[in-house]
Amino acid sequence: MTFNWMIFGYGVLGGALAELLKWYQMRESPTQPPYLGSLKYWVLTVLMVLAGGLLAAVQNVTSPLLAINIGISAPLILKALAAVTPIQPAQASAGQAAGPRLIDMIAGR
């Protein structure tokens, strides 16, 4: 079995579309999340987009449209799973302010 880079690319396109939808929803939000400019957030965003491509390639689909659909679904499914996790107050370590939790970034909180 060979890795299908074309399907991976379509899946990445789908993952990017899902992230674009999240950014559009943040634009309409009255308050921006504090982590929006952090490196951790942008690394996570790239990983979510790549997860869409990887999932499409691993499922060995042949249709570009299906690969885009799978790519869109991957970040949205992870976001939905993270959203059901209860919100816990961030705990600061000695003398440092608490940073955003990874699960909150995925859930879009």
N, C-alpha and C. Protein backbone atom coordinates (compact mmCIF):
# COMPACT_ATOMS: atom_id res chain seq x y z
N MET A 1 0.84 -1.19 0.00
CA MET A 1 0.00 0.00 0.00
C MET A 1 0.88 1.24 0.00
N THR A 2 0.64 2.14 -0.92
CA THR A 2 1.40 3.38 -0.99
C THR A 2 0.57 4.53 -0.44
N PHE A 3 1.29 5.49 0.08
CA PHE A 3 0.63 6.67 0.63
C PHE A 3 0.16 7.54 -0.52
N ASN A 4 -1.11 7.91 -0.53
CA ASN A 4 -1.68 8.71 -1.61
C ASN A 4 -1.60 10.19 -1.24
N TRP A 5 -0.60 10.88 -1.78
CA TRP A 5 -0.38 12.29 -1.44
C TRP A 5 -1.49 13.19 -1.97
N MET A 6 -2.11 12.81 -3.07
CA MET A 6 -3.19 13.62 -3.63
C MET A 6 -4.40 13.62 -2.68
N ILE A 7 -4.76 12.45 -2.19
CA ILE A 7 -5.88 12.35 -1.25
C ILE A 7 -5.52 13.06 0.06
N PHE A 8 -4.26 12.93 0.48
CA PHE A 8 -3.80 13.66 1.67
C PHE A 8 -4.00 15.16 1.47
N GLY A 9 -3.65 15.66 0.30
CA GLY A 9 -3.81 17.08 0.01
C GLY A 9 -5.27 17.53 0.05
N TYR A 10 -6.16 16.69 -0.51
CA TYR A 10 -7.58 17.02 -0.44
C TYR A 10 -8.08 16.99 1.02
N GLY A 11 -7.59 16.06 1.80
CA GLY A 11 -7.97 16.01 3.21
C GLY A 11 -7.46 17.23 3.97
N VAL A 12 -6.24 17.66 3.65
CA VAL A 12 -5.69 18.88 4.26
C VAL A 12 -6.54 20.09 3.87
N LEU A 13 -6.97 20.14 2.62
CA LEU A 13 -7.86 21.22 2.19
C LEU A 13 -9.14 21.22 3.02
N GLY A 14 -9.70 20.04 3.25
CA GLY A 14 -10.90 19.94 4.08
C GLY A 14 -10.64 20.39 5.51
N GLY A 15 -9.50 19.97 6.08
CA GLY A 15 -9.14 20.39 7.43
C GLY A 15 -8.97 21.90 7.51
N ALA A 16 -8.38 22.50 6.47
CA ALA A 16 -8.21 23.96 6.43
C ALA A 16 -9.56 24.66 6.34
N LEU A 17 -10.49 24.08 5.60
CA LEU A 17 -11.84 24.67 5.51
C LEU A 17 -12.54 24.65 6.88
N ALA A 18 -12.35 23.56 7.63
CA ALA A 18 -12.95 23.48 8.96
C ALA A 18 -12.34 24.53 9.89
N GLU A 19 -11.03 24.72 9.81
CA GLU A 19 -10.39 25.74 10.64
C GLU A 19 -10.83 27.14 10.22
N LEU A 20 -11.01 27.34 8.93
CA LEU A 20 -11.49 28.63 8.43
C LEU A 20 -12.89 28.93 8.99
N LEU A 21 -13.72 27.91 9.06
CA LEU A 21 -15.05 28.08 9.66
C LEU A 21 -14.93 28.49 11.12
N LYS A 22 -13.98 27.87 11.85
CA LYS A 22 -13.78 28.23 13.26
C LYS A 22 -13.33 29.68 13.39
N TRP A 23 -12.42 30.11 12.52
CA TRP A 23 -11.96 31.50 12.58
C TRP A 23 -13.10 32.46 12.24
N TYR A 24 -13.95 32.07 11.30
CA TYR A 24 -15.09 32.91 10.95
C TYR A 24 -16.04 33.05 12.14
N GLN A 25 -16.26 31.96 12.85
CA GLN A 25 -17.12 32.02 14.03
C GLN A 25 -16.50 32.88 15.12
N MET A 26 -15.17 32.84 15.26
CA MET A 26 -14.49 33.69 16.25
C MET A 26 -14.63 35.16 15.89
N ARG A 27 -14.67 35.47 14.59
CA ARG A 27 -14.81 36.85 14.13
C ARG A 27 -16.12 37.44 14.60
N GLU A 28 -17.16 36.63 14.65
CA GLU A 28 -18.47 37.11 15.06
C GLU A 28 -18.65 37.10 16.59
N SER A 29 -17.69 36.55 17.30
CA SER A 29 -17.76 36.49 18.76
C SER A 29 -17.42 37.86 19.35
N PRO A 30 -18.15 38.27 20.41
CA PRO A 30 -17.87 39.58 21.00
C PRO A 30 -16.51 39.63 21.72
N THR A 31 -16.02 38.50 22.17
CA THR A 31 -14.72 38.47 22.84
C THR A 31 -13.81 37.45 22.16
N GLN A 32 -12.58 37.83 21.94
CA GLN A 32 -11.60 36.94 21.33
C GLN A 32 -10.94 36.11 22.42
N PRO A 33 -10.67 34.83 22.16
CA PRO A 33 -9.97 34.02 23.15
C PRO A 33 -8.56 34.56 23.38
N PRO A 34 -8.06 34.49 24.60
CA PRO A 34 -6.75 35.07 24.90
C PRO A 34 -5.59 34.33 24.23
N TYR A 35 -5.79 33.10 23.83
CA TYR A 35 -4.71 32.30 23.25
C TYR A 35 -4.57 32.47 21.74
N LEU A 36 -5.38 33.30 21.12
CA LEU A 36 -5.43 33.40 19.67
C LEU A 36 -4.09 33.73 19.03
N GLY A 37 -3.26 34.50 19.69
CA GLY A 37 -1.96 34.86 19.12
C GLY A 37 -0.81 33.99 19.59
N SER A 38 -1.09 32.96 20.36
CA SER A 38 0.00 32.15 20.91
C SER A 38 0.53 31.13 19.91
N LEU A 39 1.78 30.81 20.02
CA LEU A 39 2.41 29.81 19.16
C LEU A 39 1.77 28.44 19.37
N LYS A 40 1.43 28.14 20.60
CA LYS A 40 0.80 26.86 20.92
C LYS A 40 -0.50 26.68 20.13
N TYR A 41 -1.28 27.73 20.03
CA TYR A 41 -2.55 27.67 19.29
C TYR A 41 -2.31 27.41 17.81
N TRP A 42 -1.34 28.10 17.22
CA TRP A 42 -1.11 27.96 15.79
C TRP A 42 -0.49 26.61 15.44
N VAL A 43 0.34 26.07 16.32
CA VAL A 43 0.87 24.71 16.12
C VAL A 43 -0.29 23.72 16.17
N LEU A 44 -1.19 23.89 17.12
CA LEU A 44 -2.36 23.02 17.22
C LEU A 44 -3.24 23.14 15.98
N THR A 45 -3.39 24.34 15.45
CA THR A 45 -4.19 24.55 14.24
C THR A 45 -3.60 23.80 13.06
N VAL A 46 -2.29 23.88 12.89
CA VAL A 46 -1.63 23.16 11.80
C VAL A 46 -1.78 21.65 11.99
N LEU A 47 -1.66 21.18 13.22
CA LEU A 47 -1.82 19.74 13.48
C LEU A 47 -3.24 19.27 13.18
N MET A 48 -4.23 20.09 13.47
CA MET A 48 -5.62 19.73 13.18
C MET A 48 -5.85 19.63 11.67
N VAL A 49 -5.27 20.56 10.92
CA VAL A 49 -5.41 20.52 9.46
C VAL A 49 -4.73 19.27 8.91
N LEU A 50 -3.53 18.97 9.41
CA LEU A 50 -2.82 17.78 8.96
C LEU A 50 -3.55 16.49 9.37
N ALA A 51 -4.24 16.53 10.50
CA ALA A 51 -5.01 15.36 10.93
C ALA A 51 -6.11 15.05 9.93
N GLY A 52 -6.72 16.08 9.36
CA GLY A 52 -7.73 15.87 8.33
C GLY A 52 -7.15 15.17 7.12
N GLY A 53 -5.97 15.58 6.69
CA GLY A 53 -5.32 14.95 5.55
C GLY A 53 -4.89 13.53 5.85
N LEU A 54 -4.35 13.32 7.02
CA LEU A 54 -3.89 11.98 7.39
C LEU A 54 -5.05 11.01 7.49
N LEU A 55 -6.15 11.44 8.08
CA LEU A 55 -7.31 10.57 8.21
C LEU A 55 -7.87 10.20 6.84
N ALA A 56 -7.90 11.13 5.91
CA ALA A 56 -8.39 10.84 4.56
C ALA A 56 -7.45 9.86 3.85
N ALA A 57 -6.15 10.04 4.01
CA ALA A 57 -5.19 9.16 3.34
C ALA A 57 -5.21 7.76 3.95
N VAL A 58 -5.35 7.67 5.25
CA VAL A 58 -5.36 6.37 5.92
C VAL A 58 -6.60 5.56 5.54
N GLN A 59 -7.71 6.24 5.34
CA GLN A 59 -8.93 5.53 4.97
C GLN A 59 -8.92 5.09 3.51
N ASN A 60 -7.89 5.52 2.78
CA ASN A 60 -7.67 5.05 1.41
C ASN A 60 -8.88 5.29 0.51
N VAL A 61 -9.45 6.48 0.60
CA VAL A 61 -10.57 6.83 -0.26
C VAL A 61 -10.06 7.16 -1.65
N THR A 62 -10.91 7.09 -2.64
CA THR A 62 -10.50 7.38 -4.01
C THR A 62 -11.13 8.66 -4.54
N SER A 63 -12.17 9.13 -3.91
CA SER A 63 -12.88 10.33 -4.37
C SER A 63 -12.31 11.58 -3.69
N PRO A 64 -11.92 12.59 -4.47
CA PRO A 64 -11.45 13.85 -3.87
C PRO A 64 -12.51 14.51 -2.98
N LEU A 65 -13.76 14.45 -3.40
CA LEU A 65 -14.82 15.06 -2.61
C LEU A 65 -14.97 14.36 -1.25
N LEU A 66 -14.87 13.06 -1.24
CA LEU A 66 -14.94 12.32 0.02
C LEU A 66 -13.74 12.63 0.90
N ALA A 67 -12.56 12.80 0.29
CA ALA A 67 -11.37 13.15 1.07
C ALA A 67 -11.53 14.52 1.71
N ILE A 68 -12.10 15.48 0.97
CA ILE A 68 -12.36 16.81 1.55
C ILE A 68 -13.35 16.70 2.70
N ASN A 69 -14.39 15.90 2.52
CA ASN A 69 -15.40 15.70 3.56
C ASN A 69 -14.77 15.10 4.82
N ILE A 70 -13.91 14.10 4.65
CA ILE A 70 -13.23 13.50 5.80
C ILE A 70 -12.31 14.52 6.46
N GLY A 71 -11.61 15.31 5.64
CA GLY A 71 -10.74 16.34 6.18
C GLY A 71 -11.48 17.38 6.99
N ILE A 72 -12.67 17.75 6.53
CA ILE A 72 -13.50 18.70 7.29
C ILE A 72 -13.97 18.06 8.59
N SER A 73 -14.33 16.80 8.54
CA SER A 73 -14.90 16.12 9.70
C SER A 73 -13.91 15.95 10.84
N ALA A 74 -12.66 15.69 10.54
CA ALA A 74 -11.67 15.39 11.59
C ALA A 74 -11.57 16.51 12.64
N PRO A 75 -11.29 17.76 12.26
CA PRO A 75 -11.21 18.81 13.29
C PRO A 75 -12.55 19.07 13.98
N LEU A 76 -13.65 18.95 13.24
CA LEU A 76 -14.96 19.21 13.85
C LEU A 76 -15.33 18.13 14.87
N ILE A 77 -14.97 16.88 14.59
CA ILE A 77 -15.23 15.80 15.55
C ILE A 77 -14.38 16.00 16.80
N LEU A 78 -13.11 16.34 16.63
CA LEU A 78 -12.25 16.58 17.79
C LEU A 78 -12.75 17.77 18.60
N LYS A 79 -13.23 18.81 17.92
CA LYS A 79 -13.78 19.97 18.63
C LYS A 79 -15.02 19.58 19.43
N ALA A 80 -15.90 18.78 18.84
CA ALA A 80 -17.11 18.35 19.53
C ALA A 80 -16.77 17.48 20.74
N LEU A 81 -15.79 16.61 20.61
CA LEU A 81 -15.37 15.78 21.74
C LEU A 81 -14.78 16.63 22.85
N ALA A 82 -14.00 17.64 22.49
CA ALA A 82 -13.39 18.50 23.50
C ALA A 82 -14.44 19.38 24.17
N ALA A 83 -15.50 19.74 23.46
CA ALA A 83 -16.52 20.63 24.01
C ALA A 83 -17.32 19.99 25.13
N VAL A 84 -17.40 18.67 25.17
CA VAL A 84 -18.16 18.02 26.23
C VAL A 84 -17.34 17.85 27.50
N THR A 85 -16.06 18.16 27.44
CA THR A 85 -15.21 18.11 28.63
C THR A 85 -15.55 19.30 29.52
N PRO A 86 -15.80 19.06 30.82
CA PRO A 86 -16.17 20.18 31.70
C PRO A 86 -15.06 21.23 31.78
N ILE A 87 -15.48 22.48 31.91
CA ILE A 87 -14.53 23.58 32.06
C ILE A 87 -14.03 23.58 33.49
N GLN A 88 -12.71 23.59 33.63
CA GLN A 88 -12.10 23.66 34.95
C GLN A 88 -11.30 24.96 35.03
N PRO A 89 -11.29 25.58 36.19
CA PRO A 89 -10.49 26.80 36.30
C PRO A 89 -9.01 26.47 36.13
N ALA A 90 -8.30 27.33 35.39
CA ALA A 90 -6.87 27.12 35.18
C ALA A 90 -6.13 27.37 36.49
N GLN A 91 -5.14 26.55 36.75
CA GLN A 91 -4.36 26.69 37.97
C GLN A 91 -3.00 27.25 37.62
N ALA A 92 -2.64 28.32 38.30
CA ALA A 92 -1.35 28.96 38.04
C ALA A 92 -0.28 28.32 38.90
N SER A 93 0.91 28.21 38.34
CA SER A 93 2.04 27.74 39.13
C SER A 93 2.62 28.93 39.88
N ALA A 94 3.61 28.69 40.68
CA ALA A 94 4.16 29.71 41.57
C ALA A 94 4.57 30.97 40.82
N GLY A 95 3.82 32.04 41.01
CA GLY A 95 4.16 33.33 40.47
C GLY A 95 3.85 33.52 38.99
N GLN A 96 3.27 32.54 38.32
CA GLN A 96 2.97 32.68 36.90
C GLN A 96 1.47 32.61 36.68
N ALA A 97 1.02 33.37 35.70
CA ALA A 97 -0.40 33.32 35.34
C ALA A 97 -0.68 32.02 34.61
N ALA A 98 -1.87 31.52 34.81
CA ALA A 98 -2.25 30.26 34.15
C ALA A 98 -2.47 30.50 32.67
N GLY A 99 -1.94 29.62 31.85
CA GLY A 99 -2.14 29.70 30.40
C GLY A 99 -3.37 28.89 30.01
N PRO A 100 -3.79 29.02 28.77
CA PRO A 100 -4.96 28.26 28.33
C PRO A 100 -4.66 26.76 28.25
N ARG A 101 -5.65 25.97 28.56
CA ARG A 101 -5.49 24.52 28.46
C ARG A 101 -5.66 24.09 27.01
N LEU A 102 -4.98 23.05 26.63
CA LEU A 102 -5.04 22.54 25.26
C LEU A 102 -6.47 22.13 24.91
N ILE A 103 -7.18 21.50 25.82
CA ILE A 103 -8.54 21.05 25.57
C ILE A 103 -9.47 22.24 25.30
N ASP A 104 -9.21 23.37 25.96
CA ASP A 104 -10.02 24.57 25.72
C ASP A 104 -9.74 25.17 24.35
N MET A 105 -8.49 25.09 23.90
CA MET A 105 -8.16 25.57 22.55
C MET A 105 -8.86 24.72 21.48
N ILE A 106 -8.86 23.41 21.67
CA ILE A 106 -9.51 22.53 20.71
C ILE A 106 -11.01 22.76 20.68
N ALA A 107 -11.60 22.98 21.86
CA ALA A 107 -13.04 23.20 21.95
C ALA A 107 -13.45 24.59 21.49
N GLY A 108 -12.49 25.49 21.33
CA GLY A 108 -12.81 26.85 20.90
C GLY A 108 -13.35 27.72 22.01
N ARG A 109 -12.94 27.43 23.24
CA ARG A 109 -13.42 28.23 24.38
C ARG A 109 -12.41 29.30 24.72
